[in-house]
Amino acid sequence: EHIKNWRSRYFVLRDDGTLVGFKSKPDQQLAAAAQPLNNFTVRGCQIMSIDRPKPYTFVIRGLQWTTVIERTFHVETEQEREDWVAAI
């Protein structure tokens, strides 16, 4: 799969396994009340570290109801990717 347009998003991983995405970086105190663009659970998901189409990419694959959902993320460094993968 070729991803034409990468869009910057800011994600918060909550204690319950919910990964919430925002268009801009939310204020920490307002993050709970902010309207997310994405909201899905990462509990029980498969995580794959890959280096294409860009370096420091990872894919989260999981089941949402009866559909397999795959989300591709790119971060700026190997350490940042390792931190996300470990947290998820």
PDB file of N, CA and C in Angstrom:
ATOM      1  N   GLU A   1       0.840  -1.180   0.000  1.00  0.00           N
ATOM      2  CA  GLU A   1       0.000   0.000   0.000  1.00  0.00           C
ATOM      3  C   GLU A   1       0.883   1.241   0.000  1.00  0.00           C
ATOM      4  N   HIS A   2       0.505   2.195  -0.806  1.00  0.00           N
ATOM      5  CA  HIS A   2       1.247   3.451  -0.891  1.00  0.00           C
ATOM      6  C   HIS A   2       0.440   4.555  -0.219  1.00  0.00           C
ATOM      7  N   ILE A   3       1.057   5.212   0.725  1.00  0.00           N
ATOM      8  CA  ILE A   3       0.388   6.312   1.415  1.00  0.00           C
ATOM      9  C   ILE A   3       0.840   7.605   0.767  1.00  0.00           C
ATOM     10  N   LYS A   4      -0.086   8.300   0.108  1.00  0.00           N
ATOM     11  CA  LYS A   4       0.262   9.523  -0.612  1.00  0.00           C
ATOM     12  C   LYS A   4       0.492  10.695   0.329  1.00  0.00           C
ATOM     13  N   ASN A   5      -0.417  10.887   1.226  1.00  0.00           N
ATOM     14  CA  ASN A   5      -0.386  12.080   2.072  1.00  0.00           C
ATOM     15  C   ASN A   5      -0.301  11.713   3.545  1.00  0.00           C
ATOM     16  N   TRP A   6       0.816  12.020   4.139  1.00  0.00           N
ATOM     17  CA  TRP A   6       0.971  11.831   5.579  1.00  0.00           C
ATOM     18  C   TRP A   6       0.460  13.092   6.258  1.00  0.00           C
ATOM     19  N   ARG A   7      -0.337  12.932   7.305  1.00  0.00           N
ATOM     20  CA  ARG A   7      -0.847  14.072   8.058  1.00  0.00           C
ATOM     21  C   ARG A   7      -0.355  13.977   9.493  1.00  0.00           C
ATOM     22  N   SER A   8       0.121  15.084  10.008  1.00  0.00           N
ATOM     23  CA  SER A   8       0.555  15.103  11.412  1.00  0.00           C
ATOM     24  C   SER A   8      -0.661  14.989  12.313  1.00  0.00           C
ATOM     25  N   ARG A   9      -0.546  14.113  13.287  1.00  0.00           N
ATOM     26  CA  ARG A   9      -1.589  13.938  14.295  1.00  0.00           C
ATOM     27  C   ARG A   9      -0.898  13.744  15.636  1.00  0.00           C
ATOM     28  N   TYR A  10      -1.604  14.036  16.686  1.00  0.00           N
ATOM     29  CA  TYR A  10      -1.084  13.882  18.044  1.00  0.00           C
ATOM     30  C   TYR A  10      -1.957  12.860  18.749  1.00  0.00           C
ATOM     31  N   PHE A  11      -1.313  11.853  19.334  1.00  0.00           N
ATOM     32  CA  PHE A  11      -2.054  10.769  19.962  1.00  0.00           C
ATOM     33  C   PHE A  11      -1.767  10.686  21.447  1.00  0.00           C
ATOM     34  N   VAL A  12      -2.811  10.287  22.172  1.00  0.00           N
ATOM     35  CA  VAL A  12      -2.724  10.053  23.611  1.00  0.00           C
ATOM     36  C   VAL A  12      -3.150   8.606  23.834  1.00  0.00           C
ATOM     37  N   LEU A  13      -2.302   7.832  24.518  1.00  0.00           N
ATOM     38  CA  LEU A  13      -2.637   6.460  24.876  1.00  0.00           C
ATOM     39  C   LEU A  13      -3.153   6.477  26.302  1.00  0.00           C
ATOM     40  N   ARG A  14      -4.412   6.125  26.469  1.00  0.00           N
ATOM     41  CA  ARG A  14      -5.030   6.148  27.801  1.00  0.00           C
ATOM     42  C   ARG A  14      -4.818   4.813  28.512  1.00  0.00           C
ATOM     43  N   ASP A  15      -4.984   4.838  29.821  1.00  0.00           N
ATOM     44  CA  ASP A  15      -4.765   3.644  30.647  1.00  0.00           C
ATOM     45  C   ASP A  15      -5.656   2.468  30.251  1.00  0.00           C
ATOM     46  N   ASP A  16      -6.836   2.752  29.695  1.00  0.00           N
ATOM     47  CA  ASP A  16      -7.758   1.676  29.326  1.00  0.00           C
ATOM     48  C   ASP A  16      -7.450   1.069  27.955  1.00  0.00           C
ATOM     49  N   GLY A  17      -6.337   1.501  27.320  1.00  0.00           N
ATOM     50  CA  GLY A  17      -5.953   0.966  26.019  1.00  0.00           C
ATOM     51  C   GLY A  17      -6.531   1.724  24.845  1.00  0.00           C
ATOM     52  N   THR A  18      -7.198   2.828  25.116  1.00  0.00           N
ATOM     53  CA  THR A  18      -7.755   3.649  24.049  1.00  0.00           C
ATOM     54  C   THR A  18      -6.679   4.572  23.496  1.00  0.00           C
ATOM     55  N   LEU A  19      -6.555   4.597  22.187  1.00  0.00           N
ATOM     56  CA  LEU A  19      -5.629   5.494  21.510  1.00  0.00           C
ATOM     57  C   LEU A  19      -6.474   6.591  20.870  1.00  0.00           C
ATOM     58  N   VAL A  20      -6.254   7.817  21.308  1.00  0.00           N
ATOM     59  CA  VAL A  20      -7.077   8.944  20.878  1.00  0.00           C
ATOM     60  C   VAL A  20      -6.210   9.905  20.082  1.00  0.00           C
ATOM     61  N   GLY A  21      -6.670  10.276  18.883  1.00  0.00           N
ATOM     62  CA  GLY A  21      -5.895  11.150  18.009  1.00  0.00           C
ATOM     63  C   GLY A  21      -6.518  12.519  17.852  1.00  0.00           C
ATOM     64  N   PHE A  22      -5.660  13.524  17.753  1.00  0.00           N
ATOM     65  CA  PHE A  22      -6.090  14.914  17.603  1.00  0.00           C
ATOM     66  C   PHE A  22      -5.357  15.552  16.432  1.00  0.00           C
ATOM     67  N   LYS A  23      -5.988  16.552  15.814  1.00  0.00           N
ATOM     68  CA  LYS A  23      -5.368  17.274  14.702  1.00  0.00           C
ATOM     69  C   LYS A  23      -4.223  18.146  15.186  1.00  0.00           C
ATOM     70  N   SER A  24      -4.362  18.726  16.374  1.00  0.00           N
ATOM     71  CA  SER A  24      -3.297  19.546  16.954  1.00  0.00           C
ATOM     72  C   SER A  24      -3.026  19.051  18.369  1.00  0.00           C
ATOM     73  N   LYS A  25      -1.886  19.424  18.899  1.00  0.00           N
ATOM     74  CA  LYS A  25      -1.482  18.949  20.219  1.00  0.00           C
ATOM     75  C   LYS A  25      -2.444  19.480  21.281  1.00  0.00           C
ATOM     76  N   PRO A  26      -3.139  18.584  21.984  1.00  0.00           N
ATOM     77  CA  PRO A  26      -4.097  19.042  22.991  1.00  0.00           C
ATOM     78  C   PRO A  26      -3.398  19.469  24.277  1.00  0.00           C
ATOM     79  N   ASP A  27      -3.953  20.443  24.934  1.00  0.00           N
ATOM     80  CA  ASP A  27      -3.489  20.844  26.258  1.00  0.00           C
ATOM     81  C   ASP A  27      -3.732  19.658  27.187  1.00  0.00           C
ATOM     82  N   GLN A  28      -2.765  19.316  28.026  1.00  0.00           N
ATOM     83  CA  GLN A  28      -2.890  18.131  28.887  1.00  0.00           C
ATOM     84  C   GLN A  28      -4.147  18.170  29.747  1.00  0.00           C
ATOM     85  N   GLN A  29      -4.483  19.321  30.273  1.00  0.00           N
ATOM     86  CA  GLN A  29      -5.653  19.419  31.143  1.00  0.00           C
ATOM     87  C   GLN A  29      -6.953  19.378  30.355  1.00  0.00           C
ATOM     88  N   LEU A  30      -6.909  19.771  29.082  1.00  0.00           N
ATOM     89  CA  LEU A  30      -8.122  19.792  28.272  1.00  0.00           C
ATOM     90  C   LEU A  30      -8.276  18.557  27.390  1.00  0.00           C
ATOM     91  N   ALA A  31      -7.275  17.689  27.380  1.00  0.00           N
ATOM     92  CA  ALA A  31      -7.294  16.523  26.487  1.00  0.00           C
ATOM     93  C   ALA A  31      -8.509  15.633  26.716  1.00  0.00           C
ATOM     94  N   ALA A  32      -8.949  15.509  27.942  1.00  0.00           N
ATOM     95  CA  ALA A  32     -10.099  14.655  28.242  1.00  0.00           C
ATOM     96  C   ALA A  32     -11.375  15.201  27.616  1.00  0.00           C
ATOM     97  N   ALA A  33     -11.476  16.527  27.488  1.00  0.00           N
ATOM     98  CA  ALA A  33     -12.682  17.144  26.958  1.00  0.00           C
ATOM     99  C   ALA A  33     -12.586  17.452  25.462  1.00  0.00           C
ATOM    100  N   ALA A  34     -11.390  17.408  24.884  1.00  0.00           N
ATOM    101  CA  ALA A  34     -11.204  17.762  23.475  1.00  0.00           C
ATOM    102  C   ALA A  34     -11.855  16.723  22.562  1.00  0.00           C
ATOM    103  N   GLN A  35     -12.316  17.173  21.404  1.00  0.00           N
ATOM    104  CA  GLN A  35     -12.926  16.276  20.428  1.00  0.00           C
ATOM    105  C   GLN A  35     -11.843  15.553  19.631  1.00  0.00           C
ATOM    106  N   PRO A  36     -11.743  14.238  19.771  1.00  0.00           N
ATOM    107  CA  PRO A  36     -10.717  13.504  19.025  1.00  0.00           C
ATOM    108  C   PRO A  36     -11.133  13.266  17.574  1.00  0.00           C
ATOM    109  N   LEU A  37     -10.132  13.130  16.703  1.00  0.00           N
ATOM    110  CA  LEU A  37     -10.373  12.739  15.310  1.00  0.00           C
ATOM    111  C   LEU A  37     -10.461  11.226  15.204  1.00  0.00           C
ATOM    112  N   ASN A  38      -9.681  10.538  16.013  1.00  0.00           N
ATOM    113  CA  ASN A  38      -9.633   9.079  16.022  1.00  0.00           C
ATOM    114  C   ASN A  38      -9.788   8.612  17.456  1.00  0.00           C
ATOM    115  N   ASN A  39     -10.425   7.463  17.607  1.00  0.00           N
ATOM    116  CA  ASN A  39     -10.604   6.905  18.933  1.00  0.00           C
ATOM    117  C   ASN A  39     -10.791   5.400  18.759  1.00  0.00           C
ATOM    118  N   PHE A  40      -9.771   4.621  19.100  1.00  0.00           N
ATOM    119  CA  PHE A  40      -9.898   3.178  18.981  1.00  0.00           C
ATOM    120  C   PHE A  40      -9.044   2.502  20.041  1.00  0.00           C
ATOM    121  N   THR A  41      -9.372   1.254  20.316  1.00  0.00           N
ATOM    122  CA  THR A  41      -8.647   0.519  21.342  1.00  0.00           C
ATOM    123  C   THR A  41      -7.469  -0.227  20.722  1.00  0.00           C
ATOM    124  N   VAL A  42      -6.385  -0.299  21.475  1.00  0.00           N
ATOM    125  CA  VAL A  42      -5.205  -1.039  21.018  1.00  0.00           C
ATOM    126  C   VAL A  42      -4.985  -2.296  21.858  1.00  0.00           C
ATOM    127  N   ARG A  43      -5.907  -2.575  22.767  1.00  0.00           N
ATOM    128  CA  ARG A  43      -5.802  -3.799  23.566  1.00  0.00           C
ATOM    129  C   ARG A  43      -5.925  -5.012  22.664  1.00  0.00           C
ATOM    130  N   GLY A  44      -4.971  -5.928  22.781  1.00  0.00           N
ATOM    131  CA  GLY A  44      -5.000  -7.152  21.993  1.00  0.00           C
ATOM    132  C   GLY A  44      -4.597  -6.974  20.541  1.00  0.00           C
ATOM    133  N   CYS A  45      -4.079  -5.819  20.200  1.00  0.00           N
ATOM    134  CA  CYS A  45      -3.664  -5.555  18.818  1.00  0.00           C
ATOM    135  C   CYS A  45      -2.276  -6.124  18.538  1.00  0.00           C
ATOM    136  N   GLN A  46      -2.010  -6.338  17.272  1.00  0.00           N
ATOM    137  CA  GLN A  46      -0.690  -6.748  16.801  1.00  0.00           C
ATOM    138  C   GLN A  46       0.046  -5.477  16.376  1.00  0.00           C
ATOM    139  N   ILE A  47       1.316  -5.358  16.759  1.00  0.00           N
ATOM    140  CA  ILE A  47       2.112  -4.181  16.421  1.00  0.00           C
ATOM    141  C   ILE A  47       3.334  -4.638  15.640  1.00  0.00           C
ATOM    142  N   MET A  48       3.564  -3.992  14.500  1.00  0.00           N
ATOM    143  CA  MET A  48       4.700  -4.346  13.651  1.00  0.00           C
ATOM    144  C   MET A  48       5.542  -3.108  13.387  1.00  0.00           C
ATOM    145  N   SER A  49       6.830  -3.191  13.669  1.00  0.00           N
ATOM    146  CA  SER A  49       7.769  -2.115  13.338  1.00  0.00           C
ATOM    147  C   SER A  49       8.283  -2.362  11.932  1.00  0.00           C
ATOM    148  N   ILE A  50       8.159  -1.351  11.079  1.00  0.00           N
ATOM    149  CA  ILE A  50       8.624  -1.460   9.700  1.00  0.00           C
ATOM    150  C   ILE A  50       9.362  -0.173   9.331  1.00  0.00           C
ATOM    151  N   ASP A  51      10.095  -0.206   8.247  1.00  0.00           N
ATOM    152  CA  ASP A  51      10.818   0.987   7.812  1.00  0.00           C
ATOM    153  C   ASP A  51      10.418   1.413   6.407  1.00  0.00           C
ATOM    154  N   ARG A  52       9.209   1.123   6.041  1.00  0.00           N
ATOM    155  CA  ARG A  52       8.695   1.621   4.787  1.00  0.00           C
ATOM    156  C   ARG A  52       7.210   1.879   4.945  1.00  0.00           C
ATOM    157  N   PRO A  53       6.637   2.832   4.360  1.00  0.00           N
ATOM    158  CA  PRO A  53       7.233   3.664   3.327  1.00  0.00           C
ATOM    159  C   PRO A  53       8.217   4.704   3.856  1.00  0.00           C
ATOM    160  N   LYS A  54       8.330   4.848   5.168  1.00  0.00           N
ATOM    161  CA  LYS A  54       9.281   5.787   5.773  1.00  0.00           C
ATOM    162  C   LYS A  54       9.992   5.081   6.916  1.00  0.00           C
ATOM    163  N   PRO A  55      11.182   5.551   7.288  1.00  0.00           N
ATOM    164  CA  PRO A  55      11.834   4.999   8.479  1.00  0.00           C
ATOM    165  C   PRO A  55      10.993   5.302   9.730  1.00  0.00           C
ATOM    166  N   TYR A  56      11.149   4.475  10.748  1.00  0.00           N
ATOM    167  CA  TYR A  56      10.495   4.682  12.048  1.00  0.00           C
ATOM    168  C   TYR A  56       8.967   4.617  11.934  1.00  0.00           C
ATOM    169  N   THR A  57       8.499   3.679  11.155  1.00  0.00           N
ATOM    170  CA  THR A  57       7.066   3.474  10.970  1.00  0.00           C
ATOM    171  C   THR A  57       6.650   2.258  11.783  1.00  0.00           C
ATOM    172  N   PHE A  58       5.417   2.277  12.275  1.00  0.00           N
ATOM    173  CA  PHE A  58       4.860   1.078  12.884  1.00  0.00           C
ATOM    174  C   PHE A  58       3.393   0.971  12.521  1.00  0.00           C
ATOM    175  N   VAL A  59       2.907  -0.263  12.512  1.00  0.00           N
ATOM    176  CA  VAL A  59       1.538  -0.553  12.125  1.00  0.00           C
ATOM    177  C   VAL A  59       0.849  -1.218  13.301  1.00  0.00           C
ATOM    178  N   ILE A  60      -0.357  -0.767  13.578  1.00  0.00           N
ATOM    179  CA  ILE A  60      -1.199  -1.395  14.597  1.00  0.00           C
ATOM    180  C   ILE A  60      -2.331  -2.092  13.858  1.00  0.00           C
ATOM    181  N   ARG A  61      -2.470  -3.390  14.095  1.00  0.00           N
ATOM    182  CA  ARG A  61      -3.526  -4.166  13.458  1.00  0.00           C
ATOM    183  C   ARG A  61      -4.380  -4.792  14.549  1.00  0.00           C
ATOM    184  N   GLY A  62      -5.675  -4.566  14.451  1.00  0.00           N
ATOM    185  CA  GLY A  62      -6.563  -5.118  15.462  1.00  0.00           C
ATOM    186  C   GLY A  62      -7.962  -5.327  14.926  1.00  0.00           C
ATOM    187  N   LEU A  63      -8.783  -5.920  15.734  1.00  0.00           N
ATOM    188  CA  LEU A  63     -10.161  -6.218  15.376  1.00  0.00           C
ATOM    189  C   LEU A  63     -11.078  -5.203  16.042  1.00  0.00           C
ATOM    190  N   GLN A  64     -11.860  -4.511  15.246  1.00  0.00           N
ATOM    191  CA  GLN A  64     -12.881  -3.604  15.752  1.00  0.00           C
ATOM    192  C   GLN A  64     -14.214  -4.195  15.319  1.00  0.00           C
ATOM    193  N   TRP A  65     -14.945  -4.722  16.267  1.00  0.00           N
ATOM    194  CA  TRP A  65     -16.165  -5.488  16.017  1.00  0.00           C
ATOM    195  C   TRP A  65     -15.803  -6.710  15.188  1.00  0.00           C
ATOM    196  N   THR A  66     -16.143  -6.726  13.906  1.00  0.00           N
ATOM    197  CA  THR A  66     -15.830  -7.888  13.070  1.00  0.00           C
ATOM    198  C   THR A  66     -14.895  -7.526  11.917  1.00  0.00           C
ATOM    199  N   THR A  67     -14.320  -6.354  11.965  1.00  0.00           N
ATOM    200  CA  THR A  67     -13.471  -5.865  10.882  1.00  0.00           C
ATOM    201  C   THR A  67     -12.033  -5.698  11.353  1.00  0.00           C
ATOM    202  N   VAL A  68     -11.087  -6.171  10.546  1.00  0.00           N
ATOM    203  CA  VAL A  68      -9.674  -5.958  10.851  1.00  0.00           C
ATOM    204  C   VAL A  68      -9.319  -4.534  10.436  1.00  0.00           C
ATOM    205  N   ILE A  69      -8.789  -3.780  11.383  1.00  0.00           N
ATOM    206  CA  ILE A  69      -8.403  -2.389  11.155  1.00  0.00           C
ATOM    207  C   ILE A  69      -6.886  -2.306  11.227  1.00  0.00           C
ATOM    208  N   GLU A  70      -6.294  -1.604  10.286  1.00  0.00           N
ATOM    209  CA  GLU A  70      -4.849  -1.405  10.279  1.00  0.00           C
ATOM    210  C   GLU A  70      -4.575   0.091  10.223  1.00  0.00           C
ATOM    211  N   ARG A  71      -3.749   0.566  11.149  1.00  0.00           N
ATOM    212  CA  ARG A  71      -3.367   1.979  11.188  1.00  0.00           C
ATOM    213  C   ARG A  71      -1.852   2.069  11.106  1.00  0.00           C
ATOM    214  N   THR A  72      -1.357   2.964  10.271  1.00  0.00           N
ATOM    215  CA  THR A  72       0.078   3.146  10.068  1.00  0.00           C
ATOM    216  C   THR A  72       0.505   4.465  10.685  1.00  0.00           C
ATOM    217  N   PHE A  73       1.585   4.417  11.466  1.00  0.00           N
ATOM    218  CA  PHE A  73       2.102   5.593  12.166  1.00  0.00           C
ATOM    219  C   PHE A  73       3.572   5.784  11.842  1.00  0.00           C
ATOM    220  N   HIS A  74       3.984   7.018  11.788  1.00  0.00           N
ATOM    221  CA  HIS A  74       5.390   7.357  11.565  1.00  0.00           C
ATOM    222  C   HIS A  74       5.813   8.336  12.649  1.00  0.00           C
ATOM    223  N   VAL A  75       6.968   8.072  13.256  1.00  0.00           N
ATOM    224  CA  VAL A  75       7.529   8.975  14.271  1.00  0.00           C
ATOM    225  C   VAL A  75       8.909   9.423  13.803  1.00  0.00           C
ATOM    226  N   GLU A  76       9.527  10.312  14.548  1.00  0.00           N
ATOM    227  CA  GLU A  76      10.771  10.942  14.102  1.00  0.00           C
ATOM    228  C   GLU A  76      12.050  10.166  14.422  1.00  0.00           C
ATOM    229  N   THR A  77      12.011   9.272  15.421  1.00  0.00           N
ATOM    230  CA  THR A  77      13.231   8.562  15.813  1.00  0.00           C
ATOM    231  C   THR A  77      12.933   7.102  16.143  1.00  0.00           C
ATOM    232  N   GLU A  78      13.980   6.287  16.123  1.00  0.00           N
ATOM    233  CA  GLU A  78      13.858   4.886  16.512  1.00  0.00           C
ATOM    234  C   GLU A  78      13.427   4.776  17.972  1.00  0.00           C
ATOM    235  N   GLN A  79      13.975   5.616  18.840  1.00  0.00           N
ATOM    236  CA  GLN A  79      13.629   5.581  20.264  1.00  0.00           C
ATOM    237  C   GLN A  79      12.150   5.899  20.482  1.00  0.00           C
ATOM    238  N   GLU A  80      11.639   6.869  19.748  1.00  0.00           N
ATOM    239  CA  GLU A  80      10.225   7.222  19.868  1.00  0.00           C
ATOM    240  C   GLU A  80       9.345   6.054  19.429  1.00  0.00           C
ATOM    241  N   ARG A  81       9.740   5.378  18.361  1.00  0.00           N
ATOM    242  CA  ARG A  81       8.978   4.209  17.915  1.00  0.00           C
ATOM    243  C   ARG A  81       9.022   3.118  18.978  1.00  0.00           C
ATOM    244  N   GLU A  82      10.202   2.841  19.521  1.00  0.00           N
ATOM    245  CA  GLU A  82      10.326   1.827  20.572  1.00  0.00           C
ATOM    246  C   GLU A  82       9.461   2.173  21.779  1.00  0.00           C
ATOM    247  N   ASP A  83       9.422   3.443  22.144  1.00  0.00           N
ATOM    248  CA  ASP A  83       8.607   3.880  23.284  1.00  0.00           C
ATOM    249  C   ASP A  83       7.121   3.641  23.027  1.00  0.00           C
ATOM    250  N   TRP A  84       6.651   3.983  21.824  1.00  0.00           N
ATOM    251  CA  TRP A  84       5.243   3.763  21.493  1.00  0.00           C
ATOM    252  C   TRP A  84       4.908   2.274  21.485  1.00  0.00           C
ATOM    253  N   VAL A  85       5.742   1.486  20.840  1.00  0.00           N
ATOM    254  CA  VAL A  85       5.483   0.041  20.752  1.00  0.00           C
ATOM    255  C   VAL A  85       5.461  -0.577  22.147  1.00  0.00           C
ATOM    256  N   ALA A  86       6.386  -0.189  23.010  1.00  0.00           N
ATOM    257  CA  ALA A  86       6.421  -0.717  24.381  1.00  0.00           C
ATOM    258  C   ALA A  86       5.187  -0.288  25.171  1.00  0.00           C
ATOM    259  N   ALA A  87       4.749   0.943  24.993  1.00  0.00           N
ATOM    260  CA  ALA A  87       3.589   1.449  25.733  1.00  0.00           C
ATOM    261  C   ALA A  87       2.299   0.765  25.292  1.00  0.00           C
ATOM    262  N   ILE A  88       2.206   0.487  24.013  1.00  0.00           N
ATOM    263  CA  ILE A  88       0.991  -0.140  23.483  1.00  0.00           C
ATOM    264  C   ILE A  88       0.959  -1.600  23.874  1.00  0.00           C
TER     265      ILE A  88
END
